[in-house]
Amino acid sequence: MEDEIELKTAPADFRFPTTNQTRHCFTRYIEFHRCTTAKGENSSDCERFAKYYRALCPGEWVDKWNEQRETGTFPGPL
C-alpha cells in the first residue's frame, strides 16, 4: 500500500487579493530571510515561509535573488 502525498501551497493572504502572485512571492521570500536572520538558519519557525515562497516563486527568480543577496545587490529590505 502506497503512502498518500498531500500537496499544499501557501494559504491565501488578504494583502494580495488579485490573482497575480508576484508580490506575494517576493514578500514570502523576504519574510523567510528575515526570519532566518532573526532566528538562525536552522529555525523550524522559518520553515513555513520557505514552503510558501518555494510554492509561489519560479525557481529562476529564487536563483537570481540568491545571487543578488550574495553579491549585496538584492533590491528588497532584508
N, C-alpha and C. Protein backbone atom coordinates (compact mmCIF):
# COMPACT_ATOMS: atom_id res chain seq x y z
N MET A 1 0.84 -1.18 0.00
CA MET A 1 0.00 0.00 0.00
C MET A 1 0.89 1.25 0.00
N GLU A 2 0.63 2.15 -0.91
CA GLU A 2 1.46 3.34 -1.03
C GLU A 2 0.96 4.44 -0.09
N ASP A 3 1.92 5.22 0.41
CA ASP A 3 1.55 6.38 1.23
C ASP A 3 1.02 7.48 0.33
N GLU A 4 0.02 8.17 0.79
CA GLU A 4 -0.52 9.29 0.02
C GLU A 4 0.31 10.53 0.32
N ILE A 5 0.57 11.29 -0.72
CA ILE A 5 1.31 12.54 -0.58
C ILE A 5 0.30 13.67 -0.65
N GLU A 6 0.33 14.51 0.35
CA GLU A 6 -0.58 15.65 0.38
C GLU A 6 0.17 16.90 -0.09
N LEU A 7 -0.31 17.48 -1.17
CA LEU A 7 0.32 18.69 -1.71
C LEU A 7 -0.43 19.91 -1.21
N LYS A 8 0.32 20.90 -0.74
CA LYS A 8 -0.29 22.13 -0.27
C LYS A 8 0.49 23.30 -0.85
N THR A 9 -0.16 24.42 -0.97
CA THR A 9 0.50 25.64 -1.40
C THR A 9 0.32 26.67 -0.30
N ALA A 10 0.87 27.84 -0.49
CA ALA A 10 0.75 28.89 0.50
C ALA A 10 -0.72 29.28 0.66
N PRO A 11 -1.15 29.57 1.88
CA PRO A 11 -2.54 29.96 2.09
C PRO A 11 -2.82 31.34 1.50
N ALA A 12 -4.07 31.63 1.29
CA ALA A 12 -4.46 32.95 0.77
C ALA A 12 -4.01 34.03 1.75
N ASP A 13 -3.61 35.15 1.23
CA ASP A 13 -3.15 36.26 2.06
C ASP A 13 -3.93 37.50 1.65
N PHE A 14 -4.66 38.08 2.59
CA PHE A 14 -5.52 39.23 2.29
C PHE A 14 -4.76 40.43 1.75
N ARG A 15 -3.44 40.46 1.95
CA ARG A 15 -2.66 41.58 1.43
C ARG A 15 -2.50 41.50 -0.08
N PHE A 16 -2.81 40.32 -0.67
CA PHE A 16 -2.62 40.09 -2.10
C PHE A 16 -3.91 39.53 -2.69
N PRO A 17 -4.92 40.37 -2.89
CA PRO A 17 -6.23 39.87 -3.31
C PRO A 17 -6.35 39.49 -4.78
N THR A 18 -5.40 39.88 -5.61
CA THR A 18 -5.51 39.59 -7.04
C THR A 18 -4.87 38.26 -7.38
N THR A 19 -5.09 37.81 -8.58
CA THR A 19 -4.52 36.53 -8.99
C THR A 19 -3.04 36.62 -9.32
N ASN A 20 -2.51 37.80 -9.59
CA ASN A 20 -1.08 37.95 -9.83
C ASN A 20 -0.36 37.81 -8.50
N GLN A 21 0.42 36.78 -8.34
CA GLN A 21 1.04 36.47 -7.05
C GLN A 21 2.50 36.92 -6.96
N THR A 22 2.92 37.80 -7.85
CA THR A 22 4.31 38.25 -7.85
C THR A 22 4.71 38.88 -6.53
N ARG A 23 3.92 39.82 -6.04
CA ARG A 23 4.25 40.49 -4.77
C ARG A 23 4.17 39.51 -3.61
N HIS A 24 3.20 38.60 -3.66
CA HIS A 24 3.07 37.59 -2.61
C HIS A 24 4.33 36.74 -2.56
N CYS A 25 4.81 36.31 -3.70
CA CYS A 25 6.04 35.52 -3.80
C CYS A 25 7.22 36.29 -3.21
N PHE A 26 7.41 37.52 -3.64
CA PHE A 26 8.53 38.34 -3.20
C PHE A 26 8.47 38.58 -1.69
N THR A 27 7.28 38.87 -1.18
CA THR A 27 7.12 39.12 0.25
C THR A 27 7.44 37.88 1.07
N ARG A 28 6.99 36.72 0.63
CA ARG A 28 7.28 35.48 1.36
C ARG A 28 8.78 35.17 1.34
N TYR A 29 9.45 35.45 0.23
CA TYR A 29 10.90 35.26 0.14
C TYR A 29 11.60 36.15 1.17
N ILE A 30 11.20 37.39 1.23
CA ILE A 30 11.79 38.33 2.19
C ILE A 30 11.49 37.90 3.62
N GLU A 31 10.25 37.50 3.89
CA GLU A 31 9.88 37.05 5.24
C GLU A 31 10.73 35.86 5.68
N PHE A 32 10.99 34.94 4.77
CA PHE A 32 11.82 33.79 5.11
C PHE A 32 13.23 34.24 5.50
N HIS A 33 13.82 35.12 4.73
CA HIS A 33 15.20 35.53 5.01
C HIS A 33 15.29 36.43 6.24
N ARG A 34 14.28 37.21 6.50
CA ARG A 34 14.25 37.99 7.74
C ARG A 34 14.16 37.05 8.94
N CYS A 35 13.34 36.02 8.81
CA CYS A 35 13.17 35.04 9.89
C CYS A 35 14.48 34.32 10.18
N THR A 36 15.17 33.87 9.13
CA THR A 36 16.43 33.16 9.35
C THR A 36 17.51 34.08 9.91
N THR A 37 17.45 35.35 9.57
CA THR A 37 18.40 36.30 10.14
C THR A 37 18.13 36.48 11.64
N ALA A 38 16.85 36.55 12.00
CA ALA A 38 16.48 36.77 13.39
C ALA A 38 16.60 35.51 14.25
N LYS A 39 16.27 34.35 13.69
CA LYS A 39 16.18 33.13 14.50
C LYS A 39 17.20 32.07 14.16
N GLY A 40 17.99 32.29 13.13
CA GLY A 40 19.02 31.32 12.77
C GLY A 40 18.62 30.48 11.56
N GLU A 41 19.63 30.01 10.86
CA GLU A 41 19.43 29.25 9.62
C GLU A 41 18.59 28.00 9.80
N ASN A 42 18.70 27.34 10.93
CA ASN A 42 18.02 26.06 11.13
C ASN A 42 16.75 26.16 11.96
N SER A 43 16.19 27.35 12.08
CA SER A 43 14.99 27.53 12.88
C SER A 43 13.77 26.90 12.21
N SER A 44 13.06 26.08 12.96
CA SER A 44 11.86 25.44 12.42
C SER A 44 10.73 26.46 12.26
N ASP A 45 10.81 27.58 12.97
CA ASP A 45 9.79 28.63 12.84
C ASP A 45 9.78 29.23 11.43
N CYS A 46 10.92 29.19 10.76
CA CYS A 46 11.04 29.80 9.44
C CYS A 46 10.63 28.86 8.31
N GLU A 47 10.46 27.61 8.63
CA GLU A 47 10.20 26.61 7.59
C GLU A 47 8.92 26.88 6.83
N ARG A 48 7.89 27.42 7.48
CA ARG A 48 6.64 27.69 6.76
C ARG A 48 6.84 28.76 5.70
N PHE A 49 7.66 29.77 5.99
CA PHE A 49 7.94 30.80 4.99
C PHE A 49 8.69 30.20 3.79
N ALA A 50 9.59 29.27 4.07
CA ALA A 50 10.31 28.60 2.99
C ALA A 50 9.34 27.82 2.10
N LYS A 51 8.42 27.10 2.71
CA LYS A 51 7.43 26.34 1.93
C LYS A 51 6.59 27.29 1.08
N TYR A 52 6.21 28.42 1.64
CA TYR A 52 5.37 29.37 0.92
C TYR A 52 6.10 29.94 -0.30
N TYR A 53 7.30 30.46 -0.09
CA TYR A 53 7.97 31.09 -1.24
C TYR A 53 8.36 30.05 -2.28
N ARG A 54 8.70 28.84 -1.84
CA ARG A 54 9.03 27.79 -2.81
C ARG A 54 7.83 27.36 -3.64
N ALA A 55 6.64 27.46 -3.05
CA ALA A 55 5.42 27.11 -3.77
C ALA A 55 4.99 28.22 -4.73
N LEU A 56 5.29 29.46 -4.38
CA LEU A 56 4.80 30.61 -5.16
C LEU A 56 5.78 31.12 -6.21
N CYS A 57 7.06 31.03 -5.93
CA CYS A 57 8.06 31.70 -6.78
C CYS A 57 8.68 30.75 -7.82
N PRO A 58 8.84 31.24 -9.04
CA PRO A 58 9.57 30.46 -10.04
C PRO A 58 11.03 30.27 -9.60
N GLY A 59 11.57 29.11 -9.86
CA GLY A 59 12.93 28.79 -9.46
C GLY A 59 13.97 29.76 -9.99
N GLU A 60 13.75 30.25 -11.20
CA GLU A 60 14.71 31.19 -11.80
C GLU A 60 14.79 32.48 -10.98
N TRP A 61 13.65 32.93 -10.48
CA TRP A 61 13.63 34.14 -9.66
C TRP A 61 14.41 33.92 -8.37
N VAL A 62 14.16 32.80 -7.73
CA VAL A 62 14.83 32.49 -6.47
C VAL A 62 16.34 32.39 -6.68
N ASP A 63 16.76 31.74 -7.76
CA ASP A 63 18.19 31.65 -8.06
C ASP A 63 18.80 33.04 -8.24
N LYS A 64 18.10 33.90 -8.96
CA LYS A 64 18.60 35.26 -9.19
C LYS A 64 18.67 36.04 -7.88
N TRP A 65 17.62 35.94 -7.07
CA TRP A 65 17.61 36.65 -5.79
C TRP A 65 18.70 36.15 -4.87
N ASN A 66 18.96 34.85 -4.86
CA ASN A 66 20.04 34.30 -4.04
C ASN A 66 21.39 34.85 -4.48
N GLU A 67 21.59 34.92 -5.79
CA GLU A 67 22.84 35.50 -6.31
C GLU A 67 22.96 36.97 -5.90
N GLN A 68 21.85 37.70 -6.00
CA GLN A 68 21.87 39.12 -5.63
C GLN A 68 22.15 39.31 -4.14
N ARG A 69 21.60 38.44 -3.30
CA ARG A 69 21.89 38.53 -1.87
C ARG A 69 23.37 38.30 -1.59
N GLU A 70 23.95 37.32 -2.30
CA GLU A 70 25.37 37.01 -2.12
C GLU A 70 26.27 38.16 -2.54
N THR A 71 25.88 38.88 -3.60
CA THR A 71 26.70 39.98 -4.10
C THR A 71 26.35 41.33 -3.47
N GLY A 72 25.29 41.34 -2.63
CA GLY A 72 24.90 42.59 -1.96
C GLY A 72 24.08 43.52 -2.83
N THR A 73 23.47 43.00 -3.90
CA THR A 73 22.69 43.85 -4.80
C THR A 73 21.20 43.54 -4.76
N PHE A 74 20.75 42.76 -3.77
CA PHE A 74 19.32 42.41 -3.69
C PHE A 74 18.51 43.68 -3.43
N PRO A 75 17.42 43.89 -4.22
CA PRO A 75 16.68 45.14 -4.12
C PRO A 75 15.71 45.23 -2.94
N GLY A 76 15.47 44.15 -2.26
CA GLY A 76 14.48 44.16 -1.16
C GLY A 76 15.08 44.44 0.18
N PRO A 77 14.20 44.78 1.14
CA PRO A 77 14.66 45.06 2.52
C PRO A 77 14.82 43.75 3.31
N LEU A 78 16.04 43.33 3.50
CA LEU A 78 16.29 42.13 4.30
C LEU A 78 16.79 42.59 5.62
